[in-house]
Amino acid sequence: MSYEISTENAAFIDEQVAKGVLHDPNEGLNKAIGLLRKQASLIDRLEQACQQIDNGRYIELDEAGLDEYFRGLEAIASGQ
């Protein structure tokens, strides 16, 4: 399987290899794909969050309520 990338992107990857940031061009492509996967995952999570809001599945908190909510989460996380 082979893919073509733009001359500019190839030059950038070659520059990163020359600087020692990447071991080889494949590492650069794999890192780029990893970032695309993370981006896709974040977009999915945002879409789910928007659906929850649209369906009324959220809570409204003022600043004091938000502080209290996070203190509760911290207590749960610390096992209290």
PDB file of N, CA and C in Angstrom:
ATOM      1  N   MET A   1       0.850  -1.166   0.000  1.00  0.00           N
ATOM      2  CA  MET A   1       0.000   0.000   0.000  1.00  0.00           C
ATOM      3  C   MET A   1       0.898   1.233   0.000  1.00  0.00           C
ATOM      4  N   SER A   2       0.585   2.163  -0.865  1.00  0.00           N
ATOM      5  CA  SER A   2       1.377   3.391  -0.891  1.00  0.00           C
ATOM      6  C   SER A   2       0.449   4.588  -1.029  1.00  0.00           C
ATOM      7  N   TYR A   3       0.918   5.707  -0.517  1.00  0.00           N
ATOM      8  CA  TYR A   3       0.170   6.951  -0.570  1.00  0.00           C
ATOM      9  C   TYR A   3       1.114   8.049  -1.028  1.00  0.00           C
ATOM     10  N   GLU A   4       0.548   9.078  -1.601  1.00  0.00           N
ATOM     11  CA  GLU A   4       1.345  10.227  -2.005  1.00  0.00           C
ATOM     12  C   GLU A   4       1.009  11.396  -1.096  1.00  0.00           C
ATOM     13  N   ILE A   5       2.041  12.125  -0.702  1.00  0.00           N
ATOM     14  CA  ILE A   5       1.823  13.344   0.077  1.00  0.00           C
ATOM     15  C   ILE A   5       2.395  14.503  -0.715  1.00  0.00           C
ATOM     16  N   SER A   6       1.981  15.695  -0.354  1.00  0.00           N
ATOM     17  CA  SER A   6       2.435  16.877  -1.090  1.00  0.00           C
ATOM     18  C   SER A   6       3.943  17.063  -0.922  1.00  0.00           C
ATOM     19  N   THR A   7       4.511  17.773  -1.859  1.00  0.00           N
ATOM     20  CA  THR A   7       5.942  18.074  -1.808  1.00  0.00           C
ATOM     21  C   THR A   7       6.280  18.837  -0.532  1.00  0.00           C
ATOM     22  N   GLU A   8       5.412  19.753  -0.133  1.00  0.00           N
ATOM     23  CA  GLU A   8       5.647  20.543   1.079  1.00  0.00           C
ATOM     24  C   GLU A   8       5.647  19.658   2.318  1.00  0.00           C
ATOM     25  N   ASN A   9       4.700  18.730   2.391  1.00  0.00           N
ATOM     26  CA  ASN A   9       4.635  17.839   3.551  1.00  0.00           C
ATOM     27  C   ASN A   9       5.825  16.893   3.583  1.00  0.00           C
ATOM     28  N   ALA A  10       6.225  16.402   2.428  1.00  0.00           N
ATOM     29  CA  ALA A  10       7.398  15.524   2.353  1.00  0.00           C
ATOM     30  C   ALA A  10       8.648  16.272   2.810  1.00  0.00           C
ATOM     31  N   ALA A  11       8.783  17.521   2.387  1.00  0.00           N
ATOM     32  CA  ALA A  11       9.936  18.331   2.789  1.00  0.00           C
ATOM     33  C   ALA A  11       9.926  18.558   4.299  1.00  0.00           C
ATOM     34  N   PHE A  12       8.756  18.802   4.849  1.00  0.00           N
ATOM     35  CA  PHE A  12       8.651  19.009   6.305  1.00  0.00           C
ATOM     36  C   PHE A  12       9.058  17.749   7.051  1.00  0.00           C
ATOM     37  N   ILE A  13       8.561  16.610   6.610  1.00  0.00           N
ATOM     38  CA  ILE A  13       8.926  15.349   7.262  1.00  0.00           C
ATOM     39  C   ILE A  13      10.427  15.113   7.151  1.00  0.00           C
ATOM     40  N   ASP A  14      10.998  15.336   5.978  1.00  0.00           N
ATOM     41  CA  ASP A  14      12.442  15.170   5.799  1.00  0.00           C
ATOM     42  C   ASP A  14      13.228  16.096   6.728  1.00  0.00           C
ATOM     43  N   GLU A  15      12.733  17.312   6.899  1.00  0.00           N
ATOM     44  CA  GLU A  15      13.380  18.275   7.798  1.00  0.00           C
ATOM     45  C   GLU A  15      13.345  17.770   9.239  1.00  0.00           C
ATOM     46  N   GLN A  16      12.209  17.205   9.641  1.00  0.00           N
ATOM     47  CA  GLN A  16      12.071  16.683  11.003  1.00  0.00           C
ATOM     48  C   GLN A  16      12.986  15.484  11.235  1.00  0.00           C
ATOM     49  N   VAL A  17      13.145  14.646  10.211  1.00  0.00           N
ATOM     50  CA  VAL A  17      14.082  13.517  10.301  1.00  0.00           C
ATOM     51  C   VAL A  17      15.505  14.041  10.430  1.00  0.00           C
ATOM     52  N   ALA A  18      15.860  15.047   9.621  1.00  0.00           N
ATOM     53  CA  ALA A  18      17.208  15.617   9.653  1.00  0.00           C
ATOM     54  C   ALA A  18      17.519  16.242  11.016  1.00  0.00           C
ATOM     55  N   LYS A  19      16.508  16.841  11.656  1.00  0.00           N
ATOM     56  CA  LYS A  19      16.696  17.453  12.971  1.00  0.00           C
ATOM     57  C   LYS A  19      16.733  16.420  14.088  1.00  0.00           C
ATOM     58  N   GLY A  20      16.352  15.190  13.773  1.00  0.00           N
ATOM     59  CA  GLY A  20      16.327  14.144  14.801  1.00  0.00           C
ATOM     60  C   GLY A  20      15.026  14.069  15.561  1.00  0.00           C
ATOM     61  N   VAL A  21      14.040  14.856  15.141  1.00  0.00           N
ATOM     62  CA  VAL A  21      12.731  14.820  15.792  1.00  0.00           C
ATOM     63  C   VAL A  21      12.042  13.488  15.491  1.00  0.00           C
ATOM     64  N   LEU A  22      12.236  13.005  14.277  1.00  0.00           N
ATOM     65  CA  LEU A  22      11.672  11.729  13.841  1.00  0.00           C
ATOM     66  C   LEU A  22      12.812  10.791  13.465  1.00  0.00           C
ATOM     67  N   HIS A  23      12.588   9.498  13.675  1.00  0.00           N
ATOM     68  CA  HIS A  23      13.599   8.515  13.284  1.00  0.00           C
ATOM     69  C   HIS A  23      13.604   8.296  11.781  1.00  0.00           C
ATOM     70  N   ASP A  24      12.419   8.307  11.187  1.00  0.00           N
ATOM     71  CA  ASP A  24      12.297   8.096   9.746  1.00  0.00           C
ATOM     72  C   ASP A  24      10.959   8.669   9.285  1.00  0.00           C
ATOM     73  N   PRO A  25      10.752   8.791   7.975  1.00  0.00           N
ATOM     74  CA  PRO A  25       9.499   9.366   7.463  1.00  0.00           C
ATOM     75  C   PRO A  25       8.248   8.602   7.910  1.00  0.00           C
ATOM     76  N   ASN A  26       8.341   7.275   8.037  1.00  0.00           N
ATOM     77  CA  ASN A  26       7.172   6.507   8.475  1.00  0.00           C
ATOM     78  C   ASN A  26       6.705   6.917   9.862  1.00  0.00           C
ATOM     79  N   GLU A  27       7.647   7.252  10.730  1.00  0.00           N
ATOM     80  CA  GLU A  27       7.268   7.705  12.070  1.00  0.00           C
ATOM     81  C   GLU A  27       6.436   8.980  11.976  1.00  0.00           C
ATOM     82  N   GLY A  28       6.825   9.875  11.090  1.00  0.00           N
ATOM     83  CA  GLY A  28       6.063  11.111  10.915  1.00  0.00           C
ATOM     84  C   GLY A  28       4.662  10.855  10.422  1.00  0.00           C
ATOM     85  N   LEU A  29       4.528   9.958   9.454  1.00  0.00           N
ATOM     86  CA  LEU A  29       3.197   9.635   8.947  1.00  0.00           C
ATOM     87  C   LEU A  29       2.351   8.946  10.010  1.00  0.00           C
ATOM     88  N   ASN A  30       2.966   8.048  10.787  1.00  0.00           N
ATOM     89  CA  ASN A  30       2.221   7.368  11.843  1.00  0.00           C
ATOM     90  C   ASN A  30       1.776   8.334  12.930  1.00  0.00           C
ATOM     91  N   LYS A  31       2.645   9.297  13.267  1.00  0.00           N
ATOM     92  CA  LYS A  31       2.245  10.307  14.253  1.00  0.00           C
ATOM     93  C   LYS A  31       1.103  11.169  13.720  1.00  0.00           C
ATOM     94  N   ALA A  32       1.166  11.510  12.444  1.00  0.00           N
ATOM     95  CA  ALA A  32       0.097  12.319  11.849  1.00  0.00           C
ATOM     96  C   ALA A  32      -1.225  11.562  11.888  1.00  0.00           C
ATOM     97  N   ILE A  33      -1.189  10.285  11.574  1.00  0.00           N
ATOM     98  CA  ILE A  33      -2.413   9.483  11.605  1.00  0.00           C
ATOM     99  C   ILE A  33      -2.917   9.355  13.034  1.00  0.00           C
ATOM    100  N   GLY A  34      -2.001   9.232  13.989  1.00  0.00           N
ATOM    101  CA  GLY A  34      -2.402   9.197  15.394  1.00  0.00           C
ATOM    102  C   GLY A  34      -3.132  10.466  15.802  1.00  0.00           C
ATOM    103  N   LEU A  35      -2.629  11.605  15.340  1.00  0.00           N
ATOM    104  CA  LEU A  35      -3.301  12.879  15.638  1.00  0.00           C
ATOM    105  C   LEU A  35      -4.672  12.955  14.976  1.00  0.00           C
ATOM    106  N   LEU A  36      -4.780  12.450  13.759  1.00  0.00           N
ATOM    107  CA  LEU A  36      -6.082  12.431  13.083  1.00  0.00           C
ATOM    108  C   LEU A  36      -7.073  11.547  13.836  1.00  0.00           C
ATOM    109  N   ARG A  37      -6.587  10.425  14.365  1.00  0.00           N
ATOM    110  CA  ARG A  37      -7.461   9.543  15.157  1.00  0.00           C
ATOM    111  C   ARG A  37      -7.940  10.251  16.421  1.00  0.00           C
ATOM    112  N   LYS A  38      -7.029  10.947  17.110  1.00  0.00           N
ATOM    113  CA  LYS A  38      -7.412  11.693  18.315  1.00  0.00           C
ATOM    114  C   LYS A  38      -8.437  12.771  17.966  1.00  0.00           C
ATOM    115  N   GLN A  39      -8.209  13.458  16.850  1.00  0.00           N
ATOM    116  CA  GLN A  39      -9.142  14.497  16.418  1.00  0.00           C
ATOM    117  C   GLN A  39     -10.520  13.901  16.157  1.00  0.00           C
ATOM    118  N   ALA A  40     -10.558  12.770  15.463  1.00  0.00           N
ATOM    119  CA  ALA A  40     -11.836  12.118  15.167  1.00  0.00           C
ATOM    120  C   ALA A  40     -12.542  11.703  16.456  1.00  0.00           C
ATOM    121  N   SER A  41     -11.778  11.209  17.415  1.00  0.00           N
ATOM    122  CA  SER A  41     -12.350  10.807  18.695  1.00  0.00           C
ATOM    123  C   SER A  41     -12.934  12.014  19.433  1.00  0.00           C
ATOM    124  N   LEU A  42     -12.212  13.121  19.428  1.00  0.00           N
ATOM    125  CA  LEU A  42     -12.710  14.341  20.079  1.00  0.00           C
ATOM    126  C   LEU A  42     -13.976  14.853  19.396  1.00  0.00           C
ATOM    127  N   ILE A  43     -14.004  14.803  18.088  1.00  0.00           N
ATOM    128  CA  ILE A  43     -15.195  15.238  17.355  1.00  0.00           C
ATOM    129  C   ILE A  43     -16.386  14.357  17.722  1.00  0.00           C
ATOM    130  N   ASP A  44     -16.162  13.049  17.808  1.00  0.00           N
ATOM    131  CA  ASP A  44     -17.232  12.134  18.219  1.00  0.00           C
ATOM    132  C   ASP A  44     -17.746  12.486  19.608  1.00  0.00           C
ATOM    133  N   ARG A  45     -16.814  12.760  20.528  1.00  0.00           N
ATOM    134  CA  ARG A  45     -17.221  13.108  21.894  1.00  0.00           C
ATOM    135  C   ARG A  45     -17.997  14.420  21.920  1.00  0.00           C
ATOM    136  N   LEU A  46     -17.579  15.390  21.118  1.00  0.00           N
ATOM    137  CA  LEU A  46     -18.300  16.660  21.060  1.00  0.00           C
ATOM    138  C   LEU A  46     -19.699  16.477  20.486  1.00  0.00           C
ATOM    139  N   GLU A  47     -19.815  15.630  19.469  1.00  0.00           N
ATOM    140  CA  GLU A  47     -21.130  15.356  18.896  1.00  0.00           C
ATOM    141  C   GLU A  47     -22.038  14.687  19.923  1.00  0.00           C
ATOM    142  N   GLN A  48     -21.490  13.764  20.710  1.00  0.00           N
ATOM    143  CA  GLN A  48     -22.276  13.126  21.770  1.00  0.00           C
ATOM    144  C   GLN A  48     -22.711  14.151  22.811  1.00  0.00           C
ATOM    145  N   ALA A  49     -21.793  15.050  23.171  1.00  0.00           N
ATOM    146  CA  ALA A  49     -22.119  16.085  24.150  1.00  0.00           C
ATOM    147  C   ALA A  49     -23.219  17.004  23.631  1.00  0.00           C
ATOM    148  N   CYS A  50     -23.156  17.354  22.358  1.00  0.00           N
ATOM    149  CA  CYS A  50     -24.204  18.202  21.771  1.00  0.00           C
ATOM    150  C   CYS A  50     -25.547  17.488  21.783  1.00  0.00           C
ATOM    151  N   GLN A  51     -25.545  16.190  21.508  1.00  0.00           N
ATOM    152  CA  GLN A  51     -26.793  15.419  21.563  1.00  0.00           C
ATOM    153  C   GLN A  51     -27.347  15.397  22.981  1.00  0.00           C
ATOM    154  N   GLN A  52     -26.467  15.228  23.966  1.00  0.00           N
ATOM    155  CA  GLN A  52     -26.927  15.238  25.356  1.00  0.00           C
ATOM    156  C   GLN A  52     -27.558  16.579  25.706  1.00  0.00           C
ATOM    157  N   ILE A  53     -26.930  17.658  25.289  1.00  0.00           N
ATOM    158  CA  ILE A  53     -27.478  18.991  25.563  1.00  0.00           C
ATOM    159  C   ILE A  53     -28.819  19.145  24.857  1.00  0.00           C
ATOM    160  N   ASP A  54     -28.878  18.746  23.580  1.00  0.00           N
ATOM    161  CA  ASP A  54     -30.134  18.858  22.826  1.00  0.00           C
ATOM    162  C   ASP A  54     -31.250  18.041  23.463  1.00  0.00           C
ATOM    163  N   ASN A  55     -30.891  16.916  24.106  1.00  0.00           N
ATOM    164  CA  ASN A  55     -31.881  16.051  24.744  1.00  0.00           C
ATOM    165  C   ASN A  55     -32.161  16.441  26.188  1.00  0.00           C
ATOM    166  N   GLY A  56     -31.557  17.543  26.639  1.00  0.00           N
ATOM    167  CA  GLY A  56     -31.803  18.029  27.992  1.00  0.00           C
ATOM    168  C   GLY A  56     -31.055  17.254  29.064  1.00  0.00           C
ATOM    169  N   ARG A  57     -30.045  16.494  28.684  1.00  0.00           N
ATOM    170  CA  ARG A  57     -29.290  15.687  29.648  1.00  0.00           C
ATOM    171  C   ARG A  57     -28.040  16.463  30.083  1.00  0.00           C
ATOM    172  N   TYR A  58     -28.261  17.460  30.927  1.00  0.00           N
ATOM    173  CA  TYR A  58     -27.172  18.263  31.468  1.00  0.00           C
ATOM    174  C   TYR A  58     -27.641  18.924  32.746  1.00  0.00           C
ATOM    175  N   ILE A  59     -26.702  19.458  33.508  1.00  0.00           N
ATOM    176  CA  ILE A  59     -27.060  20.214  34.703  1.00  0.00           C
ATOM    177  C   ILE A  59     -26.460  21.608  34.579  1.00  0.00           C
ATOM    178  N   GLU A  60     -27.200  22.580  35.066  1.00  0.00           N
ATOM    179  CA  GLU A  60     -26.699  23.948  35.065  1.00  0.00           C
ATOM    180  C   GLU A  60     -26.143  24.258  36.435  1.00  0.00           C
ATOM    181  N   LEU A  61     -24.948  24.852  36.455  1.00  0.00           N
ATOM    182  CA  LEU A  61     -24.305  25.193  37.715  1.00  0.00           C
ATOM    183  C   LEU A  61     -23.778  26.621  37.659  1.00  0.00           C
ATOM    184  N   ASP A  62     -23.954  27.346  38.769  1.00  0.00           N
ATOM    185  CA  ASP A  62     -23.282  28.636  38.867  1.00  0.00           C
ATOM    186  C   ASP A  62     -21.856  28.365  39.360  1.00  0.00           C
ATOM    187  N   GLU A  63     -21.087  29.400  39.591  1.00  0.00           N
ATOM    188  CA  GLU A  63     -19.683  29.198  39.964  1.00  0.00           C
ATOM    189  C   GLU A  63     -19.552  28.419  41.268  1.00  0.00           C
ATOM    190  N   ALA A  64     -20.355  28.739  42.248  1.00  0.00           N
ATOM    191  CA  ALA A  64     -20.294  28.022  43.530  1.00  0.00           C
ATOM    192  C   ALA A  64     -20.715  26.570  43.346  1.00  0.00           C
ATOM    193  N   GLY A  65     -21.747  26.353  42.562  1.00  0.00           N
ATOM    194  CA  GLY A  65     -22.196  24.993  42.302  1.00  0.00           C
ATOM    195  C   GLY A  65     -21.161  24.186  41.553  1.00  0.00           C
ATOM    196  N   LEU A  66     -20.460  24.834  40.637  1.00  0.00           N
ATOM    197  CA  LEU A  66     -19.407  24.155  39.886  1.00  0.00           C
ATOM    198  C   LEU A  66     -18.258  23.763  40.812  1.00  0.00           C
ATOM    199  N   ASP A  67     -17.881  24.683  41.718  1.00  0.00           N
ATOM    200  CA  ASP A  67     -16.836  24.365  42.694  1.00  0.00           C
ATOM    201  C   ASP A  67     -17.241  23.166  43.544  1.00  0.00           C
ATOM    202  N   GLU A  68     -18.472  23.164  44.006  1.00  0.00           N
ATOM    203  CA  GLU A  68     -18.979  22.060  44.829  1.00  0.00           C
ATOM    204  C   GLU A  68     -18.997  20.748  44.035  1.00  0.00           C
ATOM    205  N   TYR A  69     -19.408  20.819  42.793  1.00  0.00           N
ATOM    206  CA  TYR A  69     -19.454  19.634  41.928  1.00  0.00           C
ATOM    207  C   TYR A  69     -18.057  19.030  41.774  1.00  0.00           C
ATOM    208  N   PHE A  70     -17.050  19.869  41.503  1.00  0.00           N
ATOM    209  CA  PHE A  70     -15.691  19.363  41.333  1.00  0.00           C
ATOM    210  C   PHE A  70     -15.095  18.861  42.648  1.00  0.00           C
ATOM    211  N   ARG A  71     -15.453  19.487  43.769  1.00  0.00           N
ATOM    212  CA  ARG A  71     -14.995  18.961  45.053  1.00  0.00           C
ATOM    213  C   ARG A  71     -15.558  17.561  45.281  1.00  0.00           C
ATOM    214  N   GLY A  72     -16.793  17.363  44.897  1.00  0.00           N
ATOM    215  CA  GLY A  72     -17.397  16.028  44.996  1.00  0.00           C
ATOM    216  C   GLY A  72     -16.686  15.011  44.131  1.00  0.00           C
ATOM    217  N   LEU A  73     -16.335  15.421  42.904  1.00  0.00           N
ATOM    218  CA  LEU A  73     -15.588  14.511  42.022  1.00  0.00           C
ATOM    219  C   LEU A  73     -14.212  14.185  42.588  1.00  0.00           C
ATOM    220  N   GLU A  74     -13.564  15.206  43.151  1.00  0.00           N
ATOM    221  CA  GLU A  74     -12.249  14.975  43.776  1.00  0.00           C
ATOM    222  C   GLU A  74     -12.358  13.998  44.933  1.00  0.00           C
ATOM    223  N   ALA A  75     -13.430  14.138  45.735  1.00  0.00           N
ATOM    224  CA  ALA A  75     -13.628  13.232  46.866  1.00  0.00           C
ATOM    225  C   ALA A  75     -13.844  11.804  46.374  1.00  0.00           C
ATOM    226  N   ILE A  76     -14.623  11.652  45.314  1.00  0.00           N
ATOM    227  CA  ILE A  76     -14.848  10.324  44.750  1.00  0.00           C
ATOM    228  C   ILE A  76     -13.539   9.752  44.234  1.00  0.00           C
ATOM    229  N   ALA A  77     -12.756  10.567  43.545  1.00  0.00           N
ATOM    230  CA  ALA A  77     -11.483  10.106  42.964  1.00  0.00           C
ATOM    231  C   ALA A  77     -10.486   9.707  44.042  1.00  0.00           C
ATOM    232  N   SER A  78     -10.531  10.395  45.186  1.00  0.00           N
ATOM    233  CA  SER A  78      -9.573  10.086  46.258  1.00  0.00           C
ATOM    234  C   SER A  78     -10.088   9.010  47.194  1.00  0.00           C
ATOM    235  N   GLY A  79     -11.295   8.519  46.944  1.00  0.00           N
ATOM    236  CA  GLY A  79     -11.854   7.432  47.735  1.00  0.00           C
ATOM    237  C   GLY A  79     -12.493   7.855  49.038  1.00  0.00           C
ATOM    238  N   GLN A  80     -12.833   9.124  49.173  1.00  0.00           N
ATOM    239  CA  GLN A  80     -13.438   9.613  50.411  1.00  0.00           C
ATOM    240  C   GLN A  80     -14.925   9.412  50.423  1.00  0.00           C
TER     241      GLN A  80
END
